[in-house]
Amino acid sequence: MADEAVQAEYIAVKALENGVTIIGLTRGRDTKFHHTEKLDKGEVMIAQFTEHTSAIKIRGRAEVYTKFGVITTSI
């Protein structure tokens, strides 16, 4: 399992305003919140999809960098 986690997908999230919230959601039959982070303007977080994290929810204005390109959230 350790090798699978290392090869999992990563994203980078750059906050474009204060108070951007990043929420990790679990895998399994019932999807639940398992981790929350708050970023201030200019802060960057690197997140990884793992055996426990199946989705990431982002609230607030941010740039999300993935292998597919950059996505800018809007409100």
N, C-alpha and C. Protein backbone atom coordinates (compact mmCIF):
# COMPACT_ATOMS: atom_id res chain seq x y z
N MET A 1 0.81 -1.19 0.00
CA MET A 1 0.00 0.00 0.00
C MET A 1 0.86 1.26 0.00
N ALA A 2 1.99 1.25 0.63
CA ALA A 2 2.82 2.45 0.69
C ALA A 2 3.22 2.92 -0.70
N ASP A 3 3.53 1.99 -1.61
CA ASP A 3 3.90 2.36 -2.97
C ASP A 3 2.73 3.01 -3.70
N GLU A 4 1.52 2.53 -3.47
CA GLU A 4 0.34 3.11 -4.11
C GLU A 4 0.13 4.55 -3.67
N ALA A 5 0.32 4.84 -2.39
CA ALA A 5 0.13 6.19 -1.87
C ALA A 5 1.14 7.15 -2.47
N VAL A 6 2.37 6.70 -2.66
CA VAL A 6 3.41 7.55 -3.22
C VAL A 6 3.09 7.90 -4.66
N GLN A 7 2.46 7.00 -5.39
CA GLN A 7 2.16 7.22 -6.80
C GLN A 7 0.79 7.87 -7.02
N ALA A 8 0.08 8.23 -5.96
CA ALA A 8 -1.24 8.83 -6.08
C ALA A 8 -1.13 10.23 -6.66
N GLU A 9 -2.26 10.73 -7.17
CA GLU A 9 -2.30 12.06 -7.78
C GLU A 9 -2.16 13.16 -6.74
N TYR A 10 -1.47 14.24 -7.14
CA TYR A 10 -1.31 15.42 -6.31
C TYR A 10 -1.99 16.60 -6.98
N ILE A 11 -2.45 17.55 -6.17
CA ILE A 11 -2.88 18.84 -6.68
C ILE A 11 -2.24 19.91 -5.80
N ALA A 12 -2.10 21.11 -6.33
CA ALA A 12 -1.65 22.26 -5.54
C ALA A 12 -2.78 23.28 -5.55
N VAL A 13 -3.04 23.87 -4.40
CA VAL A 13 -4.09 24.88 -4.27
C VAL A 13 -3.44 26.16 -3.77
N LYS A 14 -3.62 27.25 -4.54
CA LYS A 14 -3.09 28.57 -4.15
C LYS A 14 -4.28 29.47 -3.83
N ALA A 15 -4.33 29.99 -2.61
CA ALA A 15 -5.42 30.86 -2.18
C ALA A 15 -5.29 32.23 -2.84
N LEU A 16 -6.39 32.72 -3.40
CA LEU A 16 -6.43 34.05 -4.00
C LEU A 16 -7.08 35.07 -3.07
N GLU A 17 -7.55 34.59 -1.91
CA GLU A 17 -8.14 35.45 -0.89
C GLU A 17 -7.94 34.79 0.47
N ASN A 18 -8.13 35.53 1.54
CA ASN A 18 -8.04 34.96 2.88
C ASN A 18 -9.22 34.05 3.15
N GLY A 19 -8.99 32.98 3.90
CA GLY A 19 -10.07 32.11 4.34
C GLY A 19 -10.50 31.04 3.37
N VAL A 20 -9.66 30.67 2.41
CA VAL A 20 -10.00 29.57 1.50
C VAL A 20 -9.97 28.27 2.30
N THR A 21 -11.02 27.48 2.17
CA THR A 21 -11.13 26.22 2.92
C THR A 21 -10.94 25.05 1.98
N ILE A 22 -10.11 24.10 2.41
CA ILE A 22 -9.89 22.86 1.67
C ILE A 22 -10.36 21.72 2.56
N ILE A 23 -11.26 20.89 2.01
CA ILE A 23 -11.86 19.81 2.79
C ILE A 23 -11.57 18.49 2.10
N GLY A 24 -10.98 17.55 2.83
CA GLY A 24 -10.73 16.21 2.32
C GLY A 24 -11.92 15.31 2.63
N LEU A 25 -12.34 14.53 1.64
CA LEU A 25 -13.49 13.63 1.80
C LEU A 25 -13.03 12.18 1.71
N THR A 26 -13.63 11.32 2.52
CA THR A 26 -13.20 9.92 2.61
C THR A 26 -13.73 9.07 1.46
N ARG A 27 -13.10 7.92 1.31
CA ARG A 27 -13.59 6.88 0.41
C ARG A 27 -14.54 5.98 1.19
N GLY A 28 -15.21 5.10 0.49
CA GLY A 28 -16.05 4.12 1.17
C GLY A 28 -17.52 4.30 0.87
N ARG A 29 -18.32 3.52 1.55
CA ARG A 29 -19.76 3.54 1.31
C ARG A 29 -20.36 4.89 1.67
N ASP A 30 -19.92 5.48 2.77
CA ASP A 30 -20.40 6.79 3.20
C ASP A 30 -19.27 7.80 3.08
N THR A 31 -19.48 8.83 2.26
CA THR A 31 -18.48 9.89 2.12
C THR A 31 -18.60 10.84 3.31
N LYS A 32 -17.46 11.09 3.98
CA LYS A 32 -17.45 11.97 5.15
C LYS A 32 -16.26 12.91 5.06
N PHE A 33 -16.36 14.04 5.75
CA PHE A 33 -15.22 14.94 5.88
C PHE A 33 -14.20 14.29 6.80
N HIS A 34 -12.91 14.34 6.42
CA HIS A 34 -11.90 13.80 7.34
C HIS A 34 -10.78 14.79 7.64
N HIS A 35 -10.70 15.89 6.89
CA HIS A 35 -9.63 16.85 7.16
C HIS A 35 -10.03 18.20 6.58
N THR A 36 -9.74 19.27 7.30
CA THR A 36 -10.04 20.62 6.82
C THR A 36 -8.83 21.51 7.07
N GLU A 37 -8.51 22.35 6.09
CA GLU A 37 -7.44 23.34 6.21
C GLU A 37 -7.97 24.69 5.75
N LYS A 38 -7.46 25.77 6.34
CA LYS A 38 -7.79 27.13 5.90
C LYS A 38 -6.51 27.77 5.40
N LEU A 39 -6.60 28.43 4.24
CA LEU A 39 -5.46 29.13 3.67
C LEU A 39 -5.75 30.62 3.58
N ASP A 40 -4.73 31.43 3.78
CA ASP A 40 -4.83 32.87 3.56
C ASP A 40 -4.24 33.21 2.21
N LYS A 41 -4.55 34.40 1.72
CA LYS A 41 -4.12 34.83 0.39
C LYS A 41 -2.63 34.57 0.18
N GLY A 42 -2.31 33.91 -0.93
CA GLY A 42 -0.93 33.63 -1.29
C GLY A 42 -0.40 32.30 -0.76
N GLU A 43 -1.08 31.71 0.21
CA GLU A 43 -0.63 30.43 0.74
C GLU A 43 -0.94 29.31 -0.25
N VAL A 44 -0.08 28.29 -0.24
CA VAL A 44 -0.23 27.15 -1.15
C VAL A 44 -0.23 25.87 -0.33
N MET A 45 -1.10 24.96 -0.72
CA MET A 45 -1.13 23.63 -0.09
C MET A 45 -1.04 22.58 -1.18
N ILE A 46 -0.22 21.57 -0.95
CA ILE A 46 -0.12 20.42 -1.84
C ILE A 46 -0.97 19.32 -1.21
N ALA A 47 -1.90 18.75 -1.97
CA ALA A 47 -2.78 17.70 -1.46
C ALA A 47 -2.63 16.46 -2.34
N GLN A 48 -2.85 15.31 -1.73
CA GLN A 48 -2.69 14.04 -2.42
C GLN A 48 -3.95 13.18 -2.26
N PHE A 49 -4.38 12.56 -3.35
CA PHE A 49 -5.44 11.58 -3.29
C PHE A 49 -4.80 10.27 -2.84
N THR A 50 -5.37 9.66 -1.80
CA THR A 50 -4.79 8.45 -1.20
C THR A 50 -5.85 7.38 -1.03
N GLU A 51 -5.48 6.32 -0.33
CA GLU A 51 -6.45 5.27 -0.05
C GLU A 51 -7.57 5.77 0.85
N HIS A 52 -7.36 6.89 1.56
CA HIS A 52 -8.37 7.46 2.45
C HIS A 52 -9.10 8.65 1.84
N THR A 53 -8.46 9.38 0.92
CA THR A 53 -9.03 10.60 0.35
C THR A 53 -9.46 10.35 -1.09
N SER A 54 -10.77 10.50 -1.34
CA SER A 54 -11.28 10.28 -2.68
C SER A 54 -11.67 11.57 -3.37
N ALA A 55 -11.87 12.63 -2.58
CA ALA A 55 -12.28 13.91 -3.15
C ALA A 55 -11.78 15.05 -2.28
N ILE A 56 -11.62 16.20 -2.89
CA ILE A 56 -11.22 17.41 -2.18
C ILE A 56 -12.18 18.52 -2.59
N LYS A 57 -12.75 19.19 -1.59
CA LYS A 57 -13.68 20.29 -1.84
C LYS A 57 -12.98 21.59 -1.46
N ILE A 58 -13.11 22.61 -2.32
CA ILE A 58 -12.45 23.89 -2.08
C ILE A 58 -13.51 24.98 -2.05
N ARG A 59 -13.51 25.78 -0.98
CA ARG A 59 -14.41 26.92 -0.84
C ARG A 59 -13.59 28.19 -0.85
N GLY A 60 -13.98 29.15 -1.67
CA GLY A 60 -13.28 30.42 -1.76
C GLY A 60 -12.53 30.54 -3.07
N ARG A 61 -11.96 31.69 -3.31
CA ARG A 61 -11.24 31.95 -4.56
C ARG A 61 -9.84 31.34 -4.48
N ALA A 62 -9.55 30.46 -5.43
CA ALA A 62 -8.26 29.77 -5.43
C ALA A 62 -7.91 29.32 -6.84
N GLU A 63 -6.63 29.05 -7.04
CA GLU A 63 -6.16 28.39 -8.25
C GLU A 63 -5.80 26.97 -7.87
N VAL A 64 -6.28 26.01 -8.66
CA VAL A 64 -6.02 24.60 -8.41
C VAL A 64 -5.17 24.08 -9.57
N TYR A 65 -3.97 23.62 -9.26
CA TYR A 65 -3.03 23.12 -10.26
C TYR A 65 -3.07 21.60 -10.27
N THR A 66 -3.40 21.03 -11.43
CA THR A 66 -3.46 19.58 -11.59
C THR A 66 -2.65 19.19 -12.82
N LYS A 67 -2.51 17.90 -13.06
CA LYS A 67 -1.81 17.46 -14.25
C LYS A 67 -2.60 17.79 -15.53
N PHE A 68 -3.86 18.16 -15.35
CA PHE A 68 -4.72 18.51 -16.48
C PHE A 68 -4.70 20.00 -16.79
N GLY A 69 -4.12 20.80 -15.90
CA GLY A 69 -4.06 22.25 -16.10
C GLY A 69 -4.43 22.99 -14.83
N VAL A 70 -4.72 24.26 -14.99
CA VAL A 70 -5.05 25.12 -13.85
C VAL A 70 -6.53 25.47 -13.90
N ILE A 71 -7.18 25.35 -12.76
CA ILE A 71 -8.59 25.71 -12.62
C ILE A 71 -8.66 26.85 -11.61
N THR A 72 -9.37 27.92 -11.97
CA THR A 72 -9.57 29.04 -11.03
C THR A 72 -11.01 29.00 -10.56
N THR A 73 -11.18 28.94 -9.24
CA THR A 73 -12.53 28.93 -8.69
C THR A 73 -13.08 30.34 -8.72
N SER A 74 -14.38 30.45 -8.76
CA SER A 74 -15.02 31.79 -8.70
C SER A 74 -16.25 31.71 -7.83
N ILE A 75 -16.62 32.85 -7.30
CA ILE A 75 -17.80 32.89 -6.44
C ILE A 75 -18.76 33.91 -7.00
